[in-house]
Amino acid sequence: MTQAKFTVLAVGLCKLSVCTDEADPQVIEALSNADQPTGLSHKWTLDPAANFASGETNPCVCEKDPHRKHYLLHC
């Protein structure tokens, strides 16, 4: 098994965006919570119904690497 490429793009009070080649939602959430713990009783979760501020869907293809996607999570 290879390790996922994972980069946090932005962190806000309620939103987190990441860029990764990982496709499993549970792994993406685990990586996000390990890298950026919320400090609250609830954790980062994928938000498939949300769109990015730019209007792009969640997830969307990374503009720098077509093998990676950007994901939006909320807490």
C-alpha atoms as a PDB file:
ATOM      1  CA  MET A   1       0.000   0.000   0.000  1.00  0.00           C
ATOM      2  CA  THR A   2       1.347   3.439  -0.916  1.00  0.00           C
ATOM      3  CA  GLN A   3       0.905   6.463   1.282  1.00  0.00           C
ATOM      4  CA  ALA A   4      -1.596   9.051   0.055  1.00  0.00           C
ATOM      5  CA  LYS A   5      -0.399  12.408  -1.156  1.00  0.00           C
ATOM      6  CA  PHE A   6      -2.242  14.824   1.128  1.00  0.00           C
ATOM      7  CA  THR A   7      -2.041  18.612   1.449  1.00  0.00           C
ATOM      8  CA  VAL A   8      -4.232  20.967   3.464  1.00  0.00           C
ATOM      9  CA  LEU A   9      -5.121  23.925   1.250  1.00  0.00           C
ATOM     10  CA  ALA A  10      -7.078  26.118   3.664  1.00  0.00           C
ATOM     11  CA  VAL A  11      -8.460  25.973   7.205  1.00  0.00           C
ATOM     12  CA  GLY A  12     -11.354  28.050   8.471  1.00  0.00           C
ATOM     13  CA  LEU A  13     -13.550  27.975  11.555  1.00  0.00           C
ATOM     14  CA  CYS A  14     -16.008  25.509  10.003  1.00  0.00           C
ATOM     15  CA  LYS A  15     -14.452  24.500   6.664  1.00  0.00           C
ATOM     16  CA  LEU A  16     -11.291  22.708   5.580  1.00  0.00           C
ATOM     17  CA  SER A  17     -10.096  22.093   2.037  1.00  0.00           C
ATOM     18  CA  VAL A  18      -7.544  19.469   1.092  1.00  0.00           C
ATOM     19  CA  CYS A  19      -5.828  18.192  -2.047  1.00  0.00           C
ATOM     20  CA  THR A  20      -5.176  14.463  -2.256  1.00  0.00           C
ATOM     21  CA  ASP A  21      -4.870  11.432  -4.500  1.00  0.00           C
ATOM     22  CA  GLU A  22      -6.787   9.406  -1.900  1.00  0.00           C
ATOM     23  CA  ALA A  23     -10.326   8.409  -2.943  1.00  0.00           C
ATOM     24  CA  ASP A  24     -11.673   6.761   0.225  1.00  0.00           C
ATOM     25  CA  PRO A  25     -13.800   9.305   2.162  1.00  0.00           C
ATOM     26  CA  GLN A  26     -12.995   7.688   5.527  1.00  0.00           C
ATOM     27  CA  VAL A  27      -9.247   7.938   4.862  1.00  0.00           C
ATOM     28  CA  ILE A  28      -9.578  11.574   3.741  1.00  0.00           C
ATOM     29  CA  GLU A  29     -11.456  12.393   6.956  1.00  0.00           C
ATOM     30  CA  ALA A  30      -8.882  10.532   9.085  1.00  0.00           C
ATOM     31  CA  LEU A  31      -5.966  12.329   7.407  1.00  0.00           C
ATOM     32  CA  SER A  32      -7.722  15.685   7.830  1.00  0.00           C
ATOM     33  CA  ASN A  33      -8.443  15.113  11.519  1.00  0.00           C
ATOM     34  CA  ALA A  34      -4.879  13.916  12.165  1.00  0.00           C
ATOM     35  CA  ASP A  35      -3.354  16.928  10.420  1.00  0.00           C
ATOM     36  CA  GLN A  36      -5.798  19.601  11.635  1.00  0.00           C
ATOM     37  CA  PRO A  37      -7.651  18.442  14.771  1.00  0.00           C
ATOM     38  CA  THR A  38     -10.722  20.556  15.491  1.00  0.00           C
ATOM     39  CA  GLY A  39     -10.232  20.517  19.261  1.00  0.00           C
ATOM     40  CA  LEU A  40     -13.976  19.898  19.558  1.00  0.00           C
ATOM     41  CA  SER A  41     -16.075  16.822  20.217  1.00  0.00           C
ATOM     42  CA  HIS A  42     -16.987  16.643  16.517  1.00  0.00           C
ATOM     43  CA  LYS A  43     -14.469  16.094  13.747  1.00  0.00           C
ATOM     44  CA  TRP A  44     -13.920  17.092  10.114  1.00  0.00           C
ATOM     45  CA  THR A  45     -16.311  15.293   7.772  1.00  0.00           C
ATOM     46  CA  LEU A  46     -16.637  15.397   4.005  1.00  0.00           C
ATOM     47  CA  ASP A  47     -19.427  17.623   2.789  1.00  0.00           C
ATOM     48  CA  PRO A  48     -20.431  16.205  -0.647  1.00  0.00           C
ATOM     49  CA  ALA A  49     -23.432  18.530  -0.927  1.00  0.00           C
ATOM     50  CA  ALA A  50     -21.305  21.673  -0.561  1.00  0.00           C
ATOM     51  CA  ASN A  51     -19.624  23.579  -3.353  1.00  0.00           C
ATOM     52  CA  PHE A  52     -16.394  25.516  -3.083  1.00  0.00           C
ATOM     53  CA  ALA A  53     -16.612  29.327  -2.914  1.00  0.00           C
ATOM     54  CA  SER A  54     -15.538  29.371  -6.576  1.00  0.00           C
ATOM     55  CA  GLY A  55     -18.669  27.352  -7.442  1.00  0.00           C
ATOM     56  CA  GLU A  56     -16.776  24.146  -8.212  1.00  0.00           C
ATOM     57  CA  THR A  57     -18.353  20.891  -7.067  1.00  0.00           C
ATOM     58  CA  ASN A  58     -17.028  18.833  -4.174  1.00  0.00           C
ATOM     59  CA  PRO A  59     -14.747  17.141  -5.037  1.00  0.00           C
ATOM     60  CA  CYS A  60     -13.134  18.830  -8.012  1.00  0.00           C
ATOM     61  CA  VAL A  61     -10.030  17.958 -10.007  1.00  0.00           C
ATOM     62  CA  CYS A  62      -6.802  19.670  -8.916  1.00  0.00           C
ATOM     63  CA  GLU A  63      -5.643  22.238 -11.457  1.00  0.00           C
ATOM     64  CA  LYS A  64      -1.979  21.295 -10.891  1.00  0.00           C
ATOM     65  CA  ASP A  65      -2.257  17.476 -10.902  1.00  0.00           C
ATOM     66  CA  PRO A  66      -5.155  15.708 -12.665  1.00  0.00           C
ATOM     67  CA  HIS A  67      -4.560  12.607 -10.508  1.00  0.00           C
ATOM     68  CA  ARG A  68      -5.495  14.542  -7.356  1.00  0.00           C
ATOM     69  CA  LYS A  69      -8.758  16.122  -6.224  1.00  0.00           C
ATOM     70  CA  HIS A  70      -9.735  18.917  -3.890  1.00  0.00           C
ATOM     71  CA  TYR A  71     -12.210  18.052  -1.140  1.00  0.00           C
ATOM     72  CA  LEU A  72     -14.233  20.319   1.148  1.00  0.00           C
ATOM     73  CA  LEU A  73     -14.879  19.201   4.727  1.00  0.00           C
ATOM     74  CA  HIS A  74     -16.826  20.801   7.564  1.00  0.00           C
ATOM     75  CA  CYS A  75     -16.990  20.409  11.327  1.00  0.00           C
END
